[in-house]
Amino acid sequence: MPKAWLVEPDHIIPGMVAGLIERRQLGVLVPIASQIGSESGKWRALPRPPLFGSASPYSGDTETEVLRAGEELKARGAEAILLDCIGFTERHRAALAPLDMPVILSNDVAAKAVAELLGG
């Protein structure tokens, strides 16, 4: 009988993002500021500790909130931004387009890795 594979995004995303970012400064957006402390340990694979910010993908004018948080990360030195919550979507990535920097959706990274596992 075949066995299911348990794929945990937190085991996939940090390593893949570290390979993409290399020595550049990553900014990570999480939905709730109180998550920043618990999220920082997951990014040990990065050569440089990430900068953190928060913006909810679930409330109010989320695009404006995400852009404001992205602008703050860029002002602090972020060279790329990771939207690290399953609630962030292409709409949020598009909101960050004025920053003219790479924006990575964590759910896309995980989905593309799983697609490779399953044969493309």
PDB file of N, CA and C in Angstrom:
ATOM      1  N   MET A   1       0.839  -1.179   0.000  1.00  0.00           N
ATOM      2  CA  MET A   1       0.000   0.000   0.000  1.00  0.00           C
ATOM      3  C   MET A   1       0.893   1.254   0.000  1.00  0.00           C
ATOM      4  N   PRO A   2       0.659   2.205  -0.927  1.00  0.00           N
ATOM      5  CA  PRO A   2       1.465   3.424  -0.974  1.00  0.00           C
ATOM      6  C   PRO A   2       1.250   4.272   0.279  1.00  0.00           C
ATOM      7  N   LYS A   3       2.309   4.971   0.661  1.00  0.00           N
ATOM      8  CA  LYS A   3       2.230   5.851   1.815  1.00  0.00           C
ATOM      9  C   LYS A   3       2.209   7.297   1.346  1.00  0.00           C
ATOM     10  N   ALA A   4       1.446   8.113   2.053  1.00  0.00           N
ATOM     11  CA  ALA A   4       1.374   9.539   1.747  1.00  0.00           C
ATOM     12  C   ALA A   4       2.658  10.226   2.206  1.00  0.00           C
ATOM     13  N   TRP A   5       3.005  11.295   1.526  1.00  0.00           N
ATOM     14  CA  TRP A   5       4.152  12.105   1.905  1.00  0.00           C
ATOM     15  C   TRP A   5       3.627  13.320   2.661  1.00  0.00           C
ATOM     16  N   LEU A   6       4.189  13.572   3.808  1.00  0.00           N
ATOM     17  CA  LEU A   6       3.865  14.783   4.549  1.00  0.00           C
ATOM     18  C   LEU A   6       4.866  15.848   4.137  1.00  0.00           C
ATOM     19  N   VAL A   7       4.374  16.901   3.551  1.00  0.00           N
ATOM     20  CA  VAL A   7       5.230  17.988   3.098  1.00  0.00           C
ATOM     21  C   VAL A   7       4.945  19.194   3.991  1.00  0.00           C
ATOM     22  N   GLU A   8       5.955  19.628   4.716  1.00  0.00           N
ATOM     23  CA  GLU A   8       5.794  20.752   5.625  1.00  0.00           C
ATOM     24  C   GLU A   8       6.448  21.991   5.009  1.00  0.00           C
ATOM     25  N   PRO A   9       5.641  22.992   4.681  1.00  0.00           N
ATOM     26  CA  PRO A   9       6.180  24.193   4.041  1.00  0.00           C
ATOM     27  C   PRO A   9       7.341  24.834   4.805  1.00  0.00           C
ATOM     28  N   ASP A  10       7.297  24.820   6.130  1.00  0.00           N
ATOM     29  CA  ASP A  10       8.387  25.443   6.895  1.00  0.00           C
ATOM     30  C   ASP A  10       9.699  24.684   6.771  1.00  0.00           C
ATOM     31  N   HIS A  11       9.662  23.475   6.218  1.00  0.00           N
ATOM     32  CA  HIS A  11      10.895  22.735   5.964  1.00  0.00           C
ATOM     33  C   HIS A  11      11.415  22.993   4.554  1.00  0.00           C
ATOM     34  N   ILE A  12      10.555  23.481   3.683  1.00  0.00           N
ATOM     35  CA  ILE A  12      10.905  23.710   2.273  1.00  0.00           C
ATOM     36  C   ILE A  12      11.293  25.165   2.008  1.00  0.00           C
ATOM     37  N   ILE A  13      10.452  26.065   2.454  1.00  0.00           N
ATOM     38  CA  ILE A  13      10.562  27.472   2.076  1.00  0.00           C
ATOM     39  C   ILE A  13      11.875  28.122   2.517  1.00  0.00           C
ATOM     40  N   PRO A  14      12.299  27.977   3.783  1.00  0.00           N
ATOM     41  CA  PRO A  14      13.533  28.681   4.184  1.00  0.00           C
ATOM     42  C   PRO A  14      14.761  28.316   3.343  1.00  0.00           C
ATOM     43  N   GLY A  15      14.963  27.042   3.062  1.00  0.00           N
ATOM     44  CA  GLY A  15      16.123  26.634   2.265  1.00  0.00           C
ATOM     45  C   GLY A  15      16.058  27.135   0.840  1.00  0.00           C
ATOM     46  N   MET A  16      14.880  27.052   0.229  1.00  0.00           N
ATOM     47  CA  MET A  16      14.744  27.523  -1.148  1.00  0.00           C
ATOM     48  C   MET A  16      14.936  29.032  -1.236  1.00  0.00           C
ATOM     49  N   VAL A  17      14.356  29.753  -0.298  1.00  0.00           N
ATOM     50  CA  VAL A  17      14.494  31.213  -0.307  1.00  0.00           C
ATOM     51  C   VAL A  17      15.944  31.602  -0.034  1.00  0.00           C
ATOM     52  N   ALA A  18      16.606  30.899   0.882  1.00  0.00           N
ATOM     53  CA  ALA A  18      18.021  31.188   1.163  1.00  0.00           C
ATOM     54  C   ALA A  18      18.862  31.013  -0.091  1.00  0.00           C
ATOM     55  N   GLY A  19      18.570  29.997  -0.886  1.00  0.00           N
ATOM     56  CA  GLY A  19      19.296  29.787  -2.135  1.00  0.00           C
ATOM     57  C   GLY A  19      19.042  30.887  -3.147  1.00  0.00           C
ATOM     58  N   LEU A  20      17.837  31.414  -3.160  1.00  0.00           N
ATOM     59  CA  LEU A  20      17.508  32.498  -4.089  1.00  0.00           C
ATOM     60  C   LEU A  20      18.111  33.828  -3.649  1.00  0.00           C
ATOM     61  N   ILE A  21      18.045  34.105  -2.381  1.00  0.00           N
ATOM     62  CA  ILE A  21      18.467  35.403  -1.842  1.00  0.00           C
ATOM     63  C   ILE A  21      19.979  35.513  -1.728  1.00  0.00           C
ATOM     64  N   GLU A  22      20.634  34.403  -1.383  1.00  0.00           N
ATOM     65  CA  GLU A  22      22.063  34.360  -1.123  1.00  0.00           C
ATOM     66  C   GLU A  22      22.429  35.400  -0.061  1.00  0.00           C
ATOM     67  N   ARG A  23      23.304  36.336  -0.356  1.00  0.00           N
ATOM     68  CA  ARG A  23      23.763  37.297   0.662  1.00  0.00           C
ATOM     69  C   ARG A  23      22.973  38.608   0.672  1.00  0.00           C
ATOM     70  N   ARG A  24      21.934  38.668  -0.123  1.00  0.00           N
ATOM     71  CA  ARG A  24      21.118  39.883  -0.132  1.00  0.00           C
ATOM     72  C   ARG A  24      20.258  39.954   1.129  1.00  0.00           C
ATOM     73  N   GLN A  25      19.787  41.133   1.448  1.00  0.00           N
ATOM     74  CA  GLN A  25      18.969  41.329   2.648  1.00  0.00           C
ATOM     75  C   GLN A  25      17.503  41.032   2.334  1.00  0.00           C
ATOM     76  N   LEU A  26      16.949  40.053   3.022  1.00  0.00           N
ATOM     77  CA  LEU A  26      15.551  39.679   2.853  1.00  0.00           C
ATOM     78  C   LEU A  26      14.688  40.401   3.873  1.00  0.00           C
ATOM     79  N   GLY A  27      13.542  40.877   3.424  1.00  0.00           N
ATOM     80  CA  GLY A  27      12.503  41.388   4.307  1.00  0.00           C
ATOM     81  C   GLY A  27      11.369  40.382   4.318  1.00  0.00           C
ATOM     82  N   VAL A  28      10.865  40.057   5.487  1.00  0.00           N
ATOM     83  CA  VAL A  28       9.797  39.067   5.625  1.00  0.00           C
ATOM     84  C   VAL A  28       8.566  39.747   6.213  1.00  0.00           C
ATOM     85  N   LEU A  29       7.444  39.642   5.499  1.00  0.00           N
ATOM     86  CA  LEU A  29       6.183  40.152   6.012  1.00  0.00           C
ATOM     87  C   LEU A  29       5.360  38.997   6.559  1.00  0.00           C
ATOM     88  N   VAL A  30       4.949  39.128   7.804  1.00  0.00           N
ATOM     89  CA  VAL A  30       4.060  38.172   8.453  1.00  0.00           C
ATOM     90  C   VAL A  30       2.751  38.903   8.747  1.00  0.00           C
ATOM     91  N   PRO A  31       1.656  38.169   8.971  1.00  0.00           N
ATOM     92  CA  PRO A  31       0.368  38.845   9.144  1.00  0.00           C
ATOM     93  C   PRO A  31       0.170  39.543  10.495  1.00  0.00           C
ATOM     94  N   ILE A  32       0.861  39.082  11.539  1.00  0.00           N
ATOM     95  CA  ILE A  32       0.662  39.628  12.879  1.00  0.00           C
ATOM     96  C   ILE A  32       2.032  39.905  13.489  1.00  0.00           C
ATOM     97  N   ALA A  33       2.225  41.112  14.016  1.00  0.00           N
ATOM     98  CA  ALA A  33       3.522  41.505  14.577  1.00  0.00           C
ATOM     99  C   ALA A  33       3.995  40.537  15.663  1.00  0.00           C
ATOM    100  N   SER A  34       3.079  39.962  16.413  1.00  0.00           N
ATOM    101  CA  SER A  34       3.474  39.048  17.496  1.00  0.00           C
ATOM    102  C   SER A  34       4.107  37.763  16.964  1.00  0.00           C
ATOM    103  N   GLN A  35       3.985  37.487  15.674  1.00  0.00           N
ATOM    104  CA  GLN A  35       4.607  36.296  15.072  1.00  0.00           C
ATOM    105  C   GLN A  35       6.087  36.488  14.787  1.00  0.00           C
ATOM    106  N   ILE A  36       6.559  37.703  14.804  1.00  0.00           N
ATOM    107  CA  ILE A  36       7.938  37.977  14.406  1.00  0.00           C
ATOM    108  C   ILE A  36       8.923  37.200  15.275  1.00  0.00           C
ATOM    109  N   GLY A  37       8.732  37.180  16.565  1.00  0.00           N
ATOM    110  CA  GLY A  37       9.643  36.460  17.456  1.00  0.00           C
ATOM    111  C   GLY A  37       9.699  34.976  17.168  1.00  0.00           C
ATOM    112  N   SER A  38       8.557  34.359  16.929  1.00  0.00           N
ATOM    113  CA  SER A  38       8.535  32.914  16.682  1.00  0.00           C
ATOM    114  C   SER A  38       9.008  32.557  15.280  1.00  0.00           C
ATOM    115  N   GLU A  39       8.930  33.477  14.344  1.00  0.00           N
ATOM    116  CA  GLU A  39       9.335  33.216  12.964  1.00  0.00           C
ATOM    117  C   GLU A  39      10.839  33.348  12.752  1.00  0.00           C
ATOM    118  N   SER A  40      11.509  34.114  13.574  1.00  0.00           N
ATOM    119  CA  SER A  40      12.915  34.413  13.314  1.00  0.00           C
ATOM    120  C   SER A  40      13.790  33.162  13.309  1.00  0.00           C
ATOM    121  N   GLY A  41      13.500  32.167  14.139  1.00  0.00           N
ATOM    122  CA  GLY A  41      14.303  30.949  14.182  1.00  0.00           C
ATOM    123  C   GLY A  41      14.238  30.134  12.905  1.00  0.00           C
ATOM    124  N   LYS A  42      13.171  30.258  12.186  1.00  0.00           N
ATOM    125  CA  LYS A  42      12.992  29.477  10.959  1.00  0.00           C
ATOM    126  C   LYS A  42      13.936  29.931   9.846  1.00  0.00           C
ATOM    127  N   TRP A  43      14.525  31.104   9.977  1.00  0.00           N
ATOM    128  CA  TRP A  43      15.355  31.683   8.927  1.00  0.00           C
ATOM    129  C   TRP A  43      16.844  31.553   9.197  1.00  0.00           C
ATOM    130  N   ARG A  44      17.249  30.578   9.976  1.00  0.00           N
ATOM    131  CA  ARG A  44      18.671  30.344  10.260  1.00  0.00           C
ATOM    132  C   ARG A  44      19.472  30.023   9.001  1.00  0.00           C
ATOM    133  N   ALA A  45      18.828  29.531   7.954  1.00  0.00           N
ATOM    134  CA  ALA A  45      19.524  29.169   6.715  1.00  0.00           C
ATOM    135  C   ALA A  45      20.024  30.398   5.953  1.00  0.00           C
ATOM    136  N   LEU A  46      19.502  31.561   6.280  1.00  0.00           N
ATOM    137  CA  LEU A  46      19.938  32.781   5.591  1.00  0.00           C
ATOM    138  C   LEU A  46      21.291  33.240   6.111  1.00  0.00           C
ATOM    139  N   PRO A  47      22.175  33.685   5.227  1.00  0.00           N
ATOM    140  CA  PRO A  47      23.467  34.211   5.684  1.00  0.00           C
ATOM    141  C   PRO A  47      23.321  35.467   6.540  1.00  0.00           C
ATOM    142  N   ARG A  48      22.262  36.249   6.290  1.00  0.00           N
ATOM    143  CA  ARG A  48      21.991  37.470   7.053  1.00  0.00           C
ATOM    144  C   ARG A  48      20.605  37.348   7.669  1.00  0.00           C
ATOM    145  N   PRO A  49      20.447  37.695   8.934  1.00  0.00           N
ATOM    146  CA  PRO A  49      19.104  37.634   9.539  1.00  0.00           C
ATOM    147  C   PRO A  49      18.142  38.537   8.762  1.00  0.00           C
ATOM    148  N   PRO A  50      16.924  38.083   8.542  1.00  0.00           N
ATOM    149  CA  PRO A  50      15.973  38.903   7.793  1.00  0.00           C
ATOM    150  C   PRO A  50      15.469  40.079   8.623  1.00  0.00           C
ATOM    151  N   LEU A  51      14.946  41.050   7.917  1.00  0.00           N
ATOM    152  CA  LEU A  51      14.218  42.151   8.532  1.00  0.00           C
ATOM    153  C   LEU A  51      12.746  41.742   8.545  1.00  0.00           C
ATOM    154  N   PHE A  52      12.031  42.060   9.591  1.00  0.00           N
ATOM    155  CA  PHE A  52      10.628  41.660   9.683  1.00  0.00           C
ATOM    156  C   PHE A  52       9.705  42.857   9.717  1.00  0.00           C
ATOM    157  N   GLY A  53       8.528  42.645   9.156  1.00  0.00           N
ATOM    158  CA  GLY A  53       7.441  43.597   9.231  1.00  0.00           C
ATOM    159  C   GLY A  53       6.142  42.829   9.265  1.00  0.00           C
ATOM    160  N   SER A  54       5.056  43.521   9.519  1.00  0.00           N
ATOM    161  CA  SER A  54       3.770  42.833   9.543  1.00  0.00           C
ATOM    162  C   SER A  54       2.725  43.620   8.768  1.00  0.00           C
ATOM    163  N   ALA A  55       1.843  42.878   8.151  1.00  0.00           N
ATOM    164  CA  ALA A  55       0.700  43.421   7.432  1.00  0.00           C
ATOM    165  C   ALA A  55      -0.294  42.280   7.266  1.00  0.00           C
ATOM    166  N   SER A  56      -1.520  42.509   7.642  1.00  0.00           N
ATOM    167  CA  SER A  56      -2.520  41.451   7.550  1.00  0.00           C
ATOM    168  C   SER A  56      -3.054  41.325   6.126  1.00  0.00           C
ATOM    169  N   PRO A  57      -3.105  40.093   5.610  1.00  0.00           N
ATOM    170  CA  PRO A  57      -3.719  39.899   4.297  1.00  0.00           C
ATOM    171  C   PRO A  57      -5.241  39.748   4.402  1.00  0.00           C
ATOM    172  N   TYR A  58      -5.784  39.889   5.603  1.00  0.00           N
ATOM    173  CA  TYR A  58      -7.188  39.556   5.848  1.00  0.00           C
ATOM    174  C   TYR A  58      -8.098  40.725   6.203  1.00  0.00           C
ATOM    175  N   SER A  59      -7.551  41.900   6.511  1.00  0.00           N
ATOM    176  CA  SER A  59      -8.436  42.946   7.021  1.00  0.00           C
ATOM    177  C   SER A  59      -8.286  44.252   6.258  1.00  0.00           C
ATOM    178  N   GLY A  60      -9.374  44.982   6.162  1.00  0.00           N
ATOM    179  CA  GLY A  60      -9.356  46.324   5.603  1.00  0.00           C
ATOM    180  C   GLY A  60      -8.770  46.414   4.206  1.00  0.00           C
ATOM    181  N   ASP A  61      -8.049  47.477   3.972  1.00  0.00           N
ATOM    182  CA  ASP A  61      -7.400  47.733   2.684  1.00  0.00           C
ATOM    183  C   ASP A  61      -6.039  47.048   2.697  1.00  0.00           C
ATOM    184  N   THR A  62      -6.035  45.750   2.463  1.00  0.00           N
ATOM    185  CA  THR A  62      -4.811  44.964   2.626  1.00  0.00           C
ATOM    186  C   THR A  62      -3.705  45.389   1.676  1.00  0.00           C
ATOM    187  N   GLU A  63      -4.043  45.800   0.461  1.00  0.00           N
ATOM    188  CA  GLU A  63      -3.010  46.197  -0.481  1.00  0.00           C
ATOM    189  C   GLU A  63      -2.249  47.423   0.025  1.00  0.00           C
ATOM    190  N   THR A  64      -2.974  48.389   0.574  1.00  0.00           N
ATOM    191  CA  THR A  64      -2.330  49.587   1.113  1.00  0.00           C
ATOM    192  C   THR A  64      -1.471  49.234   2.316  1.00  0.00           C
ATOM    193  N   GLU A  65      -1.977  48.372   3.186  1.00  0.00           N
ATOM    194  CA  GLU A  65      -1.227  47.960   4.377  1.00  0.00           C
ATOM    195  C   GLU A  65       0.049  47.206   3.987  1.00  0.00           C
ATOM    196  N   VAL A  66      -0.063  46.325   3.001  1.00  0.00           N
ATOM    197  CA  VAL A  66       1.103  45.568   2.533  1.00  0.00           C
ATOM    198  C   VAL A  66       2.135  46.509   1.907  1.00  0.00           C
ATOM    199  N   LEU A  67       1.687  47.450   1.100  1.00  0.00           N
ATOM    200  CA  LEU A  67       2.621  48.392   0.482  1.00  0.00           C
ATOM    201  C   LEU A  67       3.323  49.231   1.544  1.00  0.00           C
ATOM    202  N   ARG A  68       2.599  49.718   2.534  1.00  0.00           N
ATOM    203  CA  ARG A  68       3.200  50.505   3.613  1.00  0.00           C
ATOM    204  C   ARG A  68       4.270  49.687   4.328  1.00  0.00           C
ATOM    205  N   ALA A  69       3.960  48.433   4.660  1.00  0.00           N
ATOM    206  CA  ALA A  69       4.928  47.567   5.343  1.00  0.00           C
ATOM    207  C   ALA A  69       6.123  47.274   4.438  1.00  0.00           C
ATOM    208  N   GLY A  70       5.871  47.085   3.147  1.00  0.00           N
ATOM    209  CA  GLY A  70       6.959  46.848   2.194  1.00  0.00           C
ATOM    210  C   GLY A  70       7.862  48.058   2.059  1.00  0.00           C
ATOM    211  N   GLU A  71       7.279  49.247   2.044  1.00  0.00           N
ATOM    212  CA  GLU A  71       8.077  50.478   1.979  1.00  0.00           C
ATOM    213  C   GLU A  71       8.979  50.607   3.206  1.00  0.00           C
ATOM    214  N   GLU A  72       8.443  50.249   4.370  1.00  0.00           N
ATOM    215  CA  GLU A  72       9.251  50.296   5.595  1.00  0.00           C
ATOM    216  C   GLU A  72      10.420  49.314   5.521  1.00  0.00           C
ATOM    217  N   LEU A  73      10.155  48.097   5.029  1.00  0.00           N
ATOM    218  CA  LEU A  73      11.232  47.110   4.902  1.00  0.00           C
ATOM    219  C   LEU A  73      12.302  47.595   3.931  1.00  0.00           C
ATOM    220  N   LYS A  74      11.878  48.158   2.811  1.00  0.00           N
ATOM    221  CA  LYS A  74      12.841  48.655   1.833  1.00  0.00           C
ATOM    222  C   LYS A  74      13.668  49.790   2.435  1.00  0.00           C
ATOM    223  N   ALA A  75      13.029  50.694   3.170  1.00  0.00           N
ATOM    224  CA  ALA A  75      13.741  51.800   3.803  1.00  0.00           C
ATOM    225  C   ALA A  75      14.762  51.297   4.828  1.00  0.00           C
ATOM    226  N   ARG A  76      14.503  50.139   5.410  1.00  0.00           N
ATOM    227  CA  ARG A  76      15.423  49.561   6.397  1.00  0.00           C
ATOM    228  C   ARG A  76      16.519  48.724   5.728  1.00  0.00           C
ATOM    229  N   GLY A  77      16.462  48.566   4.402  1.00  0.00           N
ATOM    230  CA  GLY A  77      17.530  47.876   3.698  1.00  0.00           C
ATOM    231  C   GLY A  77      17.157  46.578   3.012  1.00  0.00           C
ATOM    232  N   ALA A  78      15.893  46.194   3.037  1.00  0.00           N
ATOM    233  CA  ALA A  78      15.482  44.957   2.356  1.00  0.00           C
ATOM    234  C   ALA A  78      15.711  45.084   0.853  1.00  0.00           C
ATOM    235  N   GLU A  79      16.251  44.008   0.266  1.00  0.00           N
ATOM    236  CA  GLU A  79      16.487  43.965  -1.181  1.00  0.00           C
ATOM    237  C   GLU A  79      15.490  43.061  -1.892  1.00  0.00           C
ATOM    238  N   ALA A  80      14.734  42.295  -1.124  1.00  0.00           N
ATOM    239  CA  ALA A  80      13.665  41.430  -1.629  1.00  0.00           C
ATOM    240  C   ALA A  80      12.711  41.220  -0.469  1.00  0.00           C
ATOM    241  N   ILE A  81      11.455  40.908  -0.787  1.00  0.00           N
ATOM    242  CA  ILE A  81      10.448  40.707   0.255  1.00  0.00           C
ATOM    243  C   ILE A  81       9.797  39.344   0.075  1.00  0.00           C
ATOM    244  N   LEU A  82       9.649  38.648   1.184  1.00  0.00           N
ATOM    245  CA  LEU A  82       8.913  37.382   1.220  1.00  0.00           C
ATOM    246  C   LEU A  82       7.604  37.621   1.942  1.00  0.00           C
ATOM    247  N   LEU A  83       6.506  37.295   1.293  1.00  0.00           N
ATOM    248  CA  LEU A  83       5.187  37.354   1.916  1.00  0.00           C
ATOM    249  C   LEU A  83       4.945  35.992   2.546  1.00  0.00           C
ATOM    250  N   ASP A  84       5.103  35.905   3.867  1.00  0.00           N
ATOM    251  CA  ASP A  84       5.158  34.620   4.552  1.00  0.00           C
ATOM    252  C   ASP A  84       3.869  34.282   5.290  1.00  0.00           C
ATOM    253  N   CYS A  85       2.826  34.084   4.525  1.00  0.00           N
ATOM    254  CA  CYS A  85       1.537  33.641   5.063  1.00  0.00           C
ATOM    255  C   CYS A  85       0.716  33.118   3.885  1.00  0.00           C
ATOM    256  N   ILE A  86      -0.021  32.054   4.113  1.00  0.00           N
ATOM    257  CA  ILE A  86      -0.828  31.487   3.031  1.00  0.00           C
ATOM    258  C   ILE A  86      -1.899  32.460   2.553  1.00  0.00           C
ATOM    259  N   GLY A  87      -2.247  33.453   3.387  1.00  0.00           N
ATOM    260  CA  GLY A  87      -3.259  34.435   3.005  1.00  0.00           C
ATOM    261  C   GLY A  87      -2.784  35.461   1.992  1.00  0.00           C
ATOM    262  N   PHE A  88      -1.471  35.621   1.850  1.00  0.00           N
ATOM    263  CA  PHE A  88      -0.962  36.549   0.845  1.00  0.00           C
ATOM    264  C   PHE A  88      -1.136  35.928  -0.537  1.00  0.00           C
ATOM    265  N   THR A  89      -1.546  36.754  -1.489  1.00  0.00           N
ATOM    266  CA  THR A  89      -1.836  36.271  -2.845  1.00  0.00           C
ATOM    267  C   THR A  89      -1.124  37.141  -3.882  1.00  0.00           C
ATOM    268  N   GLU A  90      -1.360  36.820  -5.137  1.00  0.00           N
ATOM    269  CA  GLU A  90      -0.807  37.616  -6.239  1.00  0.00           C
ATOM    270  C   GLU A  90      -1.241  39.075  -6.132  1.00  0.00           C
ATOM    271  N   ARG A  91      -2.402  39.313  -5.588  1.00  0.00           N
ATOM    272  CA  ARG A  91      -2.901  40.676  -5.392  1.00  0.00           C
ATOM    273  C   ARG A  91      -1.956  41.464  -4.474  1.00  0.00           C
ATOM    274  N   HIS A  92      -1.446  40.799  -3.454  1.00  0.00           N
ATOM    275  CA  HIS A  92      -0.524  41.459  -2.524  1.00  0.00           C
ATOM    276  C   HIS A  92       0.850  41.647  -3.167  1.00  0.00           C
ATOM    277  N   ARG A  93       1.264  40.676  -3.962  1.00  0.00           N
ATOM    278  CA  ARG A  93       2.531  40.832  -4.686  1.00  0.00           C
ATOM    279  C   ARG A  93       2.433  42.036  -5.629  1.00  0.00           C
ATOM    280  N   ALA A  94       1.314  42.157  -6.325  1.00  0.00           N
ATOM    281  CA  ALA A  94       1.117  43.274  -7.248  1.00  0.00           C
ATOM    282  C   ALA A  94       1.116  44.612  -6.509  1.00  0.00           C
ATOM    283  N   ALA A  95       0.620  44.633  -5.292  1.00  0.00           N
ATOM    284  CA  ALA A  95       0.603  45.871  -4.506  1.00  0.00           C
ATOM    285  C   ALA A  95       2.019  46.366  -4.209  1.00  0.00           C
ATOM    286  N   LEU A  96       2.983  45.446  -4.190  1.00  0.00           N
ATOM    287  CA  LEU A  96       4.374  45.796  -3.909  1.00  0.00           C
ATOM    288  C   LEU A  96       5.171  46.162  -5.165  1.00  0.00           C
ATOM    289  N   ALA A  97       4.554  46.090  -6.334  1.00  0.00           N
ATOM    290  CA  ALA A  97       5.241  46.389  -7.597  1.00  0.00           C
ATOM    291  C   ALA A  97       5.905  47.767  -7.600  1.00  0.00           C
ATOM    292  N   PRO A  98       5.309  48.807  -7.004  1.00  0.00           N
ATOM    293  CA  PRO A  98       5.971  50.117  -7.022  1.00  0.00           C
ATOM    294  C   PRO A  98       7.342  50.135  -6.338  1.00  0.00           C
ATOM    295  N   LEU A  99       7.628  49.131  -5.503  1.00  0.00           N
ATOM    296  CA  LEU A  99       8.923  49.081  -4.824  1.00  0.00           C
ATOM    297  C   LEU A  99      10.047  48.658  -5.753  1.00  0.00           C
ATOM    298  N   ASP A 100       9.703  48.087  -6.913  1.00  0.00           N
ATOM    299  CA  ASP A 100      10.679  47.655  -7.909  1.00  0.00           C
ATOM    300  C   ASP A 100      11.744  46.747  -7.299  1.00  0.00           C
ATOM    301  N   MET A 101      11.267  45.675  -6.647  1.00  0.00           N
ATOM    302  CA  MET A 101      12.169  44.697  -6.057  1.00  0.00           C
ATOM    303  C   MET A 101      11.495  43.332  -6.102  1.00  0.00           C
ATOM    304  N   PRO A 102      12.275  42.258  -6.006  1.00  0.00           N
ATOM    305  CA  PRO A 102      11.670  40.933  -6.025  1.00  0.00           C
ATOM    306  C   PRO A 102      10.736  40.730  -4.833  1.00  0.00           C
ATOM    307  N   VAL A 103       9.594  40.095  -5.110  1.00  0.00           N
ATOM    308  CA  VAL A 103       8.629  39.736  -4.079  1.00  0.00           C
ATOM    309  C   VAL A 103       8.316  38.251  -4.249  1.00  0.00           C
ATOM    310  N   ILE A 104       8.487  37.509  -3.163  1.00  0.00           N
ATOM    311  CA  ILE A 104       8.307  36.058  -3.180  1.00  0.00           C
ATOM    312  C   ILE A 104       7.087  35.704  -2.346  1.00  0.00           C
ATOM    313  N   LEU A 105       6.192  34.905  -2.902  1.00  0.00           N
ATOM    314  CA  LEU A 105       5.051  34.382  -2.154  1.00  0.00           C
ATOM    315  C   LEU A 105       5.434  33.022  -1.590  1.00  0.00           C
ATOM    316  N   SER A 106       5.385  32.885  -0.286  1.00  0.00           N
ATOM    317  CA  SER A 106       5.792  31.619   0.328  1.00  0.00           C
ATOM    318  C   SER A 106       4.926  30.459  -0.140  1.00  0.00           C
ATOM    319  N   ASN A 107       3.634  30.691  -0.328  1.00  0.00           N
ATOM    320  CA  ASN A 107       2.774  29.592  -0.774  1.00  0.00           C
ATOM    321  C   ASN A 107       3.111  29.157  -2.196  1.00  0.00           C
ATOM    322  N   ASP A 108       3.584  30.070  -3.038  1.00  0.00           N
ATOM    323  CA  ASP A 108       4.014  29.695  -4.391  1.00  0.00           C
ATOM    324  C   ASP A 108       5.282  28.842  -4.351  1.00  0.00           C
ATOM    325  N   VAL A 109       6.218  29.209  -3.463  1.00  0.00           N
ATOM    326  CA  VAL A 109       7.456  28.430  -3.327  1.00  0.00           C
ATOM    327  C   VAL A 109       7.121  26.991  -2.938  1.00  0.00           C
ATOM    328  N   ALA A 110       6.263  26.833  -1.939  1.00  0.00           N
ATOM    329  CA  ALA A 110       5.890  25.492  -1.481  1.00  0.00           C
ATOM    330  C   ALA A 110       5.152  24.721  -2.576  1.00  0.00           C
ATOM    331  N   ALA A 111       4.230  25.389  -3.255  1.00  0.00           N
ATOM    332  CA  ALA A 111       3.450  24.714  -4.298  1.00  0.00           C
ATOM    333  C   ALA A 111       4.334  24.265  -5.456  1.00  0.00           C
ATOM    334  N   LYS A 112       5.285  25.092  -5.842  1.00  0.00           N
ATOM    335  CA  LYS A 112       6.175  24.717  -6.951  1.00  0.00           C
ATOM    336  C   LYS A 112       7.093  23.568  -6.564  1.00  0.00           C
ATOM    337  N   ALA A 113       7.532  23.537  -5.324  1.00  0.00           N
ATOM    338  CA  ALA A 113       8.365  22.428  -4.862  1.00  0.00           C
ATOM    339  C   ALA A 113       7.575  21.126  -4.845  1.00  0.00           C
ATOM    340  N   VAL A 114       6.353  21.180  -4.361  1.00  0.00           N
ATOM    341  CA  VAL A 114       5.502  19.976  -4.326  1.00  0.00           C
ATOM    342  C   VAL A 114       5.188  19.520  -5.750  1.00  0.00           C
ATOM    343  N   ALA A 115       4.968  20.455  -6.647  1.00  0.00           N
ATOM    344  CA  ALA A 115       4.712  20.088  -8.049  1.00  0.00           C
ATOM    345  C   ALA A 115       5.885  19.306  -8.629  1.00  0.00           C
ATOM    346  N   GLU A 116       7.109  19.717  -8.291  1.00  0.00           N
ATOM    347  CA  GLU A 116       8.291  18.986  -8.753  1.00  0.00           C
ATOM    348  C   GLU A 116       8.320  17.581  -8.178  1.00  0.00           C
ATOM    349  N   LEU A 117       7.983  17.463  -6.909  1.00  0.00           N
ATOM    350  CA  LEU A 117       7.940  16.154  -6.253  1.00  0.00           C
ATOM    351  C   LEU A 117       6.955  15.225  -6.956  1.00  0.00           C
ATOM    352  N   LEU A 118       5.846  15.786  -7.392  1.00  0.00           N
ATOM    353  CA  LEU A 118       4.791  15.002  -8.022  1.00  0.00           C
ATOM    354  C   LEU A 118       4.961  14.851  -9.527  1.00  0.00           C
ATOM    355  N   GLY A 119       6.070  15.333 -10.048  1.00  0.00           N
ATOM    356  CA  GLY A 119       6.346  15.138 -11.468  1.00  0.00           C
ATOM    357  C   GLY A 119       5.998  16.301 -12.344  1.00  0.00           C
ATOM    358  N   GLY A 120       5.985  17.486 -11.787  1.00  0.00           N
ATOM    359  CA  GLY A 120       5.803  18.691 -12.588  1.00  0.00           C
ATOM    360  C   GLY A 120       4.408  19.132 -12.677  1.00  0.00           C
TER     361      GLY A 120
END
